[in-house]
């Protein structure tokens, strides 16, 4: 999705995650699995997107991370 980032004038952005909140959360959590502990997110409509992140994306990420952490603790 690099063309979307370029077309939107996403200077400095190298990629974009596109999909439903759960699909984007899963993609972000894959970075978490690799050791990444912080990401920057932004959309095309900052006000609307910020509300959507708070209602849908961030809770989905938290749930997925908690599930992964719990399964890792169970294996330890």
PDB file of N, CA and C in Angstrom:
ATOM      1  N   UNK A   1       0.816  -1.201   0.000  1.00  0.00           N
ATOM      2  CA  UNK A   1       0.000   0.000   0.000  1.00  0.00           C
ATOM      3  C   UNK A   1       0.854   1.257   0.000  1.00  0.00           C
ATOM      4  N   UNK A   2       2.097   1.123  -0.402  1.00  0.00           N
ATOM      5  CA  UNK A   2       2.976   2.286  -0.497  1.00  0.00           C
ATOM      6  C   UNK A   2       2.397   3.351  -1.427  1.00  0.00           C
ATOM      7  N   UNK A   3       1.765   3.001  -2.567  1.00  0.00           N
ATOM      8  CA  UNK A   3       1.194   4.047  -3.423  1.00  0.00           C
ATOM      9  C   UNK A   3       0.154   4.908  -2.707  1.00  0.00           C
ATOM     10  N   UNK A   4      -0.624   4.327  -1.802  1.00  0.00           N
ATOM     11  CA  UNK A   4      -1.605   5.126  -1.054  1.00  0.00           C
ATOM     12  C   UNK A   4      -0.892   6.139  -0.180  1.00  0.00           C
ATOM     13  N   UNK A   5       0.158   5.715   0.507  1.00  0.00           N
ATOM     14  CA  UNK A   5       0.913   6.646   1.346  1.00  0.00           C
ATOM     15  C   UNK A   5       1.502   7.767   0.497  1.00  0.00           C
ATOM     16  N   UNK A   6       2.038   7.427  -0.666  1.00  0.00           N
ATOM     17  CA  UNK A   6       2.630   8.439  -1.543  1.00  0.00           C
ATOM     18  C   UNK A   6       1.570   9.379  -2.105  1.00  0.00           C
ATOM     19  N   UNK A   7       0.451   8.836  -2.553  1.00  0.00           N
ATOM     20  CA  UNK A   7      -0.606   9.655  -3.156  1.00  0.00           C
ATOM     21  C   UNK A   7      -1.239  10.610  -2.159  1.00  0.00           C
ATOM     22  N   UNK A   8      -1.253  10.224  -0.904  1.00  0.00           N
ATOM     23  CA  UNK A   8      -1.867  11.081   0.112  1.00  0.00           C
ATOM     24  C   UNK A   8      -0.897  12.110   0.661  1.00  0.00           C
ATOM     25  N   UNK A   9       0.312  12.133   0.112  1.00  0.00           N
ATOM     26  CA  UNK A   9       1.301  13.094   0.589  1.00  0.00           C
ATOM     27  C   UNK A   9       1.890  12.687   1.921  1.00  0.00           C
ATOM     28  N   UNK A  10       1.912  11.397   2.188  1.00  0.00           N
ATOM     29  CA  UNK A  10       2.436  10.888   3.455  1.00  0.00           C
ATOM     30  C   UNK A  10       3.945  10.965   3.497  1.00  0.00           C
ATOM     31  N   UNK A  11       4.470  12.175   3.512  1.00  0.00           N
ATOM     32  CA  UNK A  11       5.912  12.378   3.536  1.00  0.00           C
ATOM     33  C   UNK A  11       6.529  11.641   4.714  1.00  0.00           C
ATOM     34  N   UNK A  12       7.506  10.828   4.420  1.00  0.00           N
ATOM     35  CA  UNK A  12       8.176  10.077   5.467  1.00  0.00           C
ATOM     36  C   UNK A  12       7.505   8.760   5.789  1.00  0.00           C
ATOM     37  N   UNK A  13       6.284   8.573   5.337  1.00  0.00           N
ATOM     38  CA  UNK A  13       5.617   7.295   5.565  1.00  0.00           C
ATOM     39  C   UNK A  13       6.079   6.316   4.501  1.00  0.00           C
ATOM     40  N   UNK A  14       6.435   5.128   4.926  1.00  0.00           N
ATOM     41  CA  UNK A  14       6.931   4.159   3.961  1.00  0.00           C
ATOM     42  C   UNK A  14       5.897   3.107   3.602  1.00  0.00           C
ATOM     43  N   UNK A  15       4.822   3.028   4.349  1.00  0.00           N
ATOM     44  CA  UNK A  15       3.827   1.999   4.085  1.00  0.00           C
ATOM     45  C   UNK A  15       2.498   2.394   4.703  1.00  0.00           C
ATOM     46  N   UNK A  16       1.484   1.606   4.443  1.00  0.00           N
ATOM     47  CA  UNK A  16       0.169   1.838   5.035  1.00  0.00           C
ATOM     48  C   UNK A  16      -0.449   0.485   5.354  1.00  0.00           C
ATOM     49  N   UNK A  17      -1.152   0.411   6.452  1.00  0.00           N
ATOM     50  CA  UNK A  17      -1.924  -0.778   6.804  1.00  0.00           C
ATOM     51  C   UNK A  17      -3.374  -0.473   6.475  1.00  0.00           C
ATOM     52  N   UNK A  18      -3.981  -1.305   5.663  1.00  0.00           N
ATOM     53  CA  UNK A  18      -5.335  -1.062   5.185  1.00  0.00           C
ATOM     54  C   UNK A  18      -6.188  -2.276   5.502  1.00  0.00           C
ATOM     55  N   UNK A  19      -7.382  -2.035   6.038  1.00  0.00           N
ATOM     56  CA  UNK A  19      -8.302  -3.130   6.316  1.00  0.00           C
ATOM     57  C   UNK A  19      -9.278  -2.750   7.405  1.00  0.00           C
ATOM     58  N   UNK A  20      -9.989  -3.745   7.894  1.00  0.00           N
ATOM     59  CA  UNK A  20     -10.902  -3.531   9.012  1.00  0.00           C
ATOM     60  C   UNK A  20     -10.074  -3.269  10.264  1.00  0.00           C
ATOM     61  N   UNK A  21     -10.686  -2.743  11.326  1.00  0.00           N
ATOM     62  CA  UNK A  21      -9.925  -2.558  12.565  1.00  0.00           C
ATOM     63  C   UNK A  21      -9.243  -3.847  13.033  1.00  0.00           C
ATOM     64  N   UNK A  22      -9.931  -4.980  12.939  1.00  0.00           N
ATOM     65  CA  UNK A  22      -9.313  -6.239  13.361  1.00  0.00           C
ATOM     66  C   UNK A  22      -8.149  -6.641  12.459  1.00  0.00           C
ATOM     67  N   UNK A  23      -8.264  -6.399  11.161  1.00  0.00           N
ATOM     68  CA  UNK A  23      -7.172  -6.726  10.245  1.00  0.00           C
ATOM     69  C   UNK A  23      -5.953  -5.850  10.513  1.00  0.00           C
ATOM     70  N   UNK A  24      -6.183  -4.559  10.723  1.00  0.00           N
ATOM     71  CA  UNK A  24      -5.075  -3.647  11.011  1.00  0.00           C
ATOM     72  C   UNK A  24      -4.470  -3.981  12.370  1.00  0.00           C
ATOM     73  N   UNK A  25      -5.309  -4.289  13.360  1.00  0.00           N
ATOM     74  CA  UNK A  25      -4.806  -4.674  14.684  1.00  0.00           C
ATOM     75  C   UNK A  25      -3.931  -5.914  14.576  1.00  0.00           C
ATOM     76  N   UNK A  26      -4.371  -6.898  13.822  1.00  0.00           N
ATOM     77  CA  UNK A  26      -3.580  -8.126  13.657  1.00  0.00           C
ATOM     78  C   UNK A  26      -2.231  -7.811  13.019  1.00  0.00           C
ATOM     79  N   UNK A  27      -2.220  -6.927  12.028  1.00  0.00           N
ATOM     80  CA  UNK A  27      -0.962  -6.544  11.388  1.00  0.00           C
ATOM     81  C   UNK A  27      -0.041  -5.846  12.382  1.00  0.00           C
ATOM     82  N   UNK A  28      -0.589  -4.954  13.192  1.00  0.00           N
ATOM     83  CA  UNK A  28       0.220  -4.251  14.195  1.00  0.00           C
ATOM     84  C   UNK A  28       0.731  -5.232  15.238  1.00  0.00           C
ATOM     85  N   UNK A  29      -0.096  -6.186  15.633  1.00  0.00           N
ATOM     86  CA  UNK A  29       0.316  -7.161  16.643  1.00  0.00           C
ATOM     87  C   UNK A  29       1.408  -8.080  16.095  1.00  0.00           C
ATOM     88  N   UNK A  30       1.455  -8.290  14.802  1.00  0.00           N
ATOM     89  CA  UNK A  30       2.574  -9.052  14.230  1.00  0.00           C
ATOM     90  C   UNK A  30       3.894  -8.304  14.451  1.00  0.00           C
ATOM     91  N   UNK A  31       3.852  -6.982  14.371  1.00  0.00           N
ATOM     92  CA  UNK A  31       5.045  -6.202  14.713  1.00  0.00           C
ATOM     93  C   UNK A  31       5.376  -6.386  16.192  1.00  0.00           C
ATOM     94  N   UNK A  32       4.365  -6.395  17.042  1.00  0.00           N
ATOM     95  CA  UNK A  32       4.562  -6.636  18.479  1.00  0.00           C
ATOM     96  C   UNK A  32       5.266  -7.977  18.689  1.00  0.00           C
ATOM     97  N   UNK A  33       4.836  -8.994  17.954  1.00  0.00           N
ATOM     98  CA  UNK A  33       5.453 -10.318  18.058  1.00  0.00           C
ATOM     99  C   UNK A  33       6.937 -10.282  17.707  1.00  0.00           C
ATOM    100  N   UNK A  34       7.322  -9.330  16.871  1.00  0.00           N
ATOM    101  CA  UNK A  34       8.725  -9.182  16.474  1.00  0.00           C
ATOM    102  C   UNK A  34       9.527  -8.322  17.448  1.00  0.00           C
ATOM    103  N   UNK A  35       8.860  -7.787  18.472  1.00  0.00           N
ATOM    104  CA  UNK A  35       9.556  -6.983  19.469  1.00  0.00           C
ATOM    105  C   UNK A  35       9.301  -5.494  19.393  1.00  0.00           C
ATOM    106  N   UNK A  36       8.525  -5.050  18.420  1.00  0.00           N
ATOM    107  CA  UNK A  36       8.205  -3.626  18.301  1.00  0.00           C
ATOM    108  C   UNK A  36       7.215  -3.263  19.398  1.00  0.00           C
ATOM    109  N   UNK A  37       7.490  -2.193  20.127  1.00  0.00           N
ATOM    110  CA  UNK A  37       6.625  -1.806  21.238  1.00  0.00           C
ATOM    111  C   UNK A  37       5.976  -0.439  21.055  1.00  0.00           C
ATOM    112  N   UNK A  38       6.119   0.139  19.881  1.00  0.00           N
ATOM    113  CA  UNK A  38       5.461   1.411  19.606  1.00  0.00           C
ATOM    114  C   UNK A  38       5.289   1.609  18.110  1.00  0.00           C
ATOM    115  N   UNK A  39       4.150   2.135  17.726  1.00  0.00           N
ATOM    116  CA  UNK A  39       3.886   2.460  16.324  1.00  0.00           C
ATOM    117  C   UNK A  39       3.218   3.831  16.265  1.00  0.00           C
ATOM    118  N   UNK A  40       3.385   4.490  15.154  1.00  0.00           N
ATOM    119  CA  UNK A  40       2.688   5.749  14.893  1.00  0.00           C
ATOM    120  C   UNK A  40       1.595   5.456  13.877  1.00  0.00           C
ATOM    121  N   UNK A  41       0.390   5.916  14.173  1.00  0.00           N
ATOM    122  CA  UNK A  41      -0.709   5.690  13.243  1.00  0.00           C
ATOM    123  C   UNK A  41      -1.379   7.016  12.922  1.00  0.00           C
ATOM    124  N   UNK A  42      -1.830   7.129  11.696  1.00  0.00           N
ATOM    125  CA  UNK A  42      -2.611   8.292  11.289  1.00  0.00           C
ATOM    126  C   UNK A  42      -3.428   7.892  10.083  1.00  0.00           C
ATOM    127  N   UNK A  43      -4.469   8.623   9.849  1.00  0.00           N
ATOM    128  CA  UNK A  43      -5.339   8.321   8.724  1.00  0.00           C
ATOM    129  C   UNK A  43      -5.517   9.532   7.836  1.00  0.00           C
ATOM    130  N   UNK A  44      -6.508   9.455   6.975  1.00  0.00           N
ATOM    131  CA  UNK A  44      -6.765  10.534   6.032  1.00  0.00           C
ATOM    132  C   UNK A  44      -7.672  11.612   6.617  1.00  0.00           C
ATOM    133  N   UNK A  45      -8.449  11.276   7.630  1.00  0.00           N
ATOM    134  CA  UNK A  45      -9.376  12.207   8.279  1.00  0.00           C
ATOM    135  C   UNK A  45      -9.069  12.189   9.776  1.00  0.00           C
ATOM    136  N   UNK A  46      -8.153  13.051  10.239  1.00  0.00           N
ATOM    137  CA  UNK A  46      -7.642  12.946  11.605  1.00  0.00           C
ATOM    138  C   UNK A  46      -8.696  12.879  12.704  1.00  0.00           C
ATOM    139  N   UNK A  47      -9.718  13.713  12.662  1.00  0.00           N
ATOM    140  CA  UNK A  47     -10.713  13.696  13.737  1.00  0.00           C
ATOM    141  C   UNK A  47     -11.492  12.382  13.737  1.00  0.00           C
ATOM    142  N   UNK A  48     -12.057  12.030  12.608  1.00  0.00           N
ATOM    143  CA  UNK A  48     -12.819  10.779  12.503  1.00  0.00           C
ATOM    144  C   UNK A  48     -11.939   9.575  12.826  1.00  0.00           C
ATOM    145  N   UNK A  49     -10.736   9.549  12.273  1.00  0.00           N
ATOM    146  CA  UNK A  49      -9.856   8.404  12.470  1.00  0.00           C
ATOM    147  C   UNK A  49      -9.436   8.256  13.927  1.00  0.00           C
ATOM    148  N   UNK A  50      -9.181   9.370  14.603  1.00  0.00           N
ATOM    149  CA  UNK A  50      -8.798   9.303  16.012  1.00  0.00           C
ATOM    150  C   UNK A  50      -9.906   8.677  16.849  1.00  0.00           C
ATOM    151  N   UNK A  51     -11.135   9.049  16.588  1.00  0.00           N
ATOM    152  CA  UNK A  51     -12.272   8.457  17.306  1.00  0.00           C
ATOM    153  C   UNK A  51     -12.355   6.961  17.003  1.00  0.00           C
ATOM    154  N   UNK A  52     -12.208   6.594  15.741  1.00  0.00           N
ATOM    155  CA  UNK A  52     -12.269   5.177  15.362  1.00  0.00           C
ATOM    156  C   UNK A  52     -11.137   4.384  16.004  1.00  0.00           C
ATOM    157  N   UNK A  53      -9.946   4.969  16.066  1.00  0.00           N
ATOM    158  CA  UNK A  53      -8.828   4.275  16.719  1.00  0.00           C
ATOM    159  C   UNK A  53      -9.165   3.991  18.175  1.00  0.00           C
ATOM    160  N   UNK A  54      -9.704   4.991  18.853  1.00  0.00           N
ATOM    161  CA  UNK A  54     -10.022   4.832  20.271  1.00  0.00           C
ATOM    162  C   UNK A  54     -11.147   3.854  20.533  1.00  0.00           C
ATOM    163  N   UNK A  55     -12.106   3.802  19.643  1.00  0.00           N
ATOM    164  CA  UNK A  55     -13.259   2.911  19.847  1.00  0.00           C
ATOM    165  C   UNK A  55     -13.019   1.492  19.352  1.00  0.00           C
ATOM    166  N   UNK A  56     -12.244   1.352  18.278  1.00  0.00           N
ATOM    167  CA  UNK A  56     -12.135   0.043  17.639  1.00  0.00           C
ATOM    168  C   UNK A  56     -10.715  -0.508  17.579  1.00  0.00           C
ATOM    169  N   UNK A  57      -9.789   0.262  17.039  1.00  0.00           N
ATOM    170  CA  UNK A  57      -8.453  -0.270  16.780  1.00  0.00           C
ATOM    171  C   UNK A  57      -7.668  -0.526  18.061  1.00  0.00           C
ATOM    172  N   UNK A  58      -7.565   0.465  18.918  1.00  0.00           N
ATOM    173  CA  UNK A  58      -6.762   0.308  20.135  1.00  0.00           C
ATOM    174  C   UNK A  58      -7.313  -0.795  21.038  1.00  0.00           C
ATOM    175  N   UNK A  59      -8.634  -0.873  21.276  1.00  0.00           N
ATOM    176  CA  UNK A  59      -9.132  -2.000  22.076  1.00  0.00           C
ATOM    177  C   UNK A  59      -8.808  -3.366  21.439  1.00  0.00           C
ATOM    178  N   UNK A  60      -8.888  -3.455  20.120  1.00  0.00           N
ATOM    179  CA  UNK A  60      -8.565  -4.721  19.448  1.00  0.00           C
ATOM    180  C   UNK A  60      -7.096  -5.072  19.641  1.00  0.00           C
ATOM    181  N   UNK A  61      -6.219  -4.079  19.522  1.00  0.00           N
ATOM    182  CA  UNK A  61      -4.789  -4.322  19.732  1.00  0.00           C
ATOM    183  C   UNK A  61      -4.547  -4.778  21.167  1.00  0.00           C
ATOM    184  N   UNK A  62      -5.132  -4.092  22.131  1.00  0.00           N
ATOM    185  CA  UNK A  62      -4.941  -4.463  23.541  1.00  0.00           C
ATOM    186  C   UNK A  62      -5.405  -5.892  23.806  1.00  0.00           C
ATOM    187  N   UNK A  63      -6.543  -6.264  23.253  1.00  0.00           N
ATOM    188  CA  UNK A  63      -7.059  -7.623  23.448  1.00  0.00           C
ATOM    189  C   UNK A  63      -6.111  -8.653  22.849  1.00  0.00           C
ATOM    190  N   UNK A  64      -5.666  -8.407  21.628  1.00  0.00           N
ATOM    191  CA  UNK A  64      -4.773  -9.361  20.964  1.00  0.00           C
ATOM    192  C   UNK A  64      -3.439  -9.485  21.688  1.00  0.00           C
ATOM    193  N   UNK A  65      -2.890  -8.359  22.149  1.00  0.00           N
ATOM    194  CA  UNK A  65      -1.625  -8.391  22.883  1.00  0.00           C
ATOM    195  C   UNK A  65      -1.805  -9.148  24.200  1.00  0.00           C
ATOM    196  N   UNK A  66      -2.892  -8.892  24.907  1.00  0.00           N
ATOM    197  CA  UNK A  66      -3.147  -9.592  26.172  1.00  0.00           C
ATOM    198  C   UNK A  66      -3.262 -11.096  25.940  1.00  0.00           C
ATOM    199  N   UNK A  67      -3.935 -11.492  24.876  1.00  0.00           N
ATOM    200  CA  UNK A  67      -4.061 -12.920  24.561  1.00  0.00           C
ATOM    201  C   UNK A  67      -2.704 -13.540  24.259  1.00  0.00           C
ATOM    202  N   UNK A  68      -1.883 -12.837  23.489  1.00  0.00           N
ATOM    203  CA  UNK A  68      -0.555 -13.364  23.163  1.00  0.00           C
ATOM    204  C   UNK A  68       0.310 -13.452  24.413  1.00  0.00           C
ATOM    205  N   UNK A  69       0.276 -12.404  25.237  1.00  0.00           N
ATOM    206  CA  UNK A  69       1.077 -12.417  26.460  1.00  0.00           C
ATOM    207  C   UNK A  69       0.636 -13.543  27.388  1.00  0.00           C
ATOM    208  N   UNK A  70      -0.668 -13.772  27.500  1.00  0.00           N
ATOM    209  CA  UNK A  70      -1.182 -14.845  28.357  1.00  0.00           C
ATOM    210  C   UNK A  70      -0.733 -16.211  27.839  1.00  0.00           C
ATOM    211  N   UNK A  71      -0.764 -16.399  26.534  1.00  0.00           N
ATOM    212  CA  UNK A  71      -0.345 -17.694  25.994  1.00  0.00           C
ATOM    213  C   UNK A  71       1.152 -17.900  26.180  1.00  0.00           C
ATOM    214  N   UNK A  72       1.939 -16.822  26.093  1.00  0.00           N
ATOM    215  CA  UNK A  72       3.379 -16.931  26.336  1.00  0.00           C
ATOM    216  C   UNK A  72       3.663 -17.290  27.795  1.00  0.00           C
ATOM    217  N   UNK A  73       2.908 -16.679  28.714  1.00  0.00           N
ATOM    218  CA  UNK A  73       3.082 -17.004  30.141  1.00  0.00           C
ATOM    219  C   UNK A  73       2.703 -18.455  30.408  1.00  0.00           C
ATOM    220  N   UNK A  74       1.678 -18.939  29.736  1.00  0.00           N
ATOM    221  CA  UNK A  74       1.242 -20.325  29.928  1.00  0.00           C
ATOM    222  C   UNK A  74       2.301 -21.313  29.438  1.00  0.00           C
ATOM    223  N   UNK A  75       3.052 -20.918  28.422  1.00  0.00           N
ATOM    224  CA  UNK A  75       4.101 -21.788  27.892  1.00  0.00           C
ATOM    225  C   UNK A  75       5.362 -21.770  28.739  1.00  0.00           C
ATOM    226  N   UNK A  76       5.525 -20.717  29.533  1.00  0.00           N
ATOM    227  CA  UNK A  76       6.763 -20.567  30.326  1.00  0.00           C
ATOM    228  C   UNK A  76       6.775 -21.467  31.537  1.00  0.00           C
TER     229      UNK A  76
END
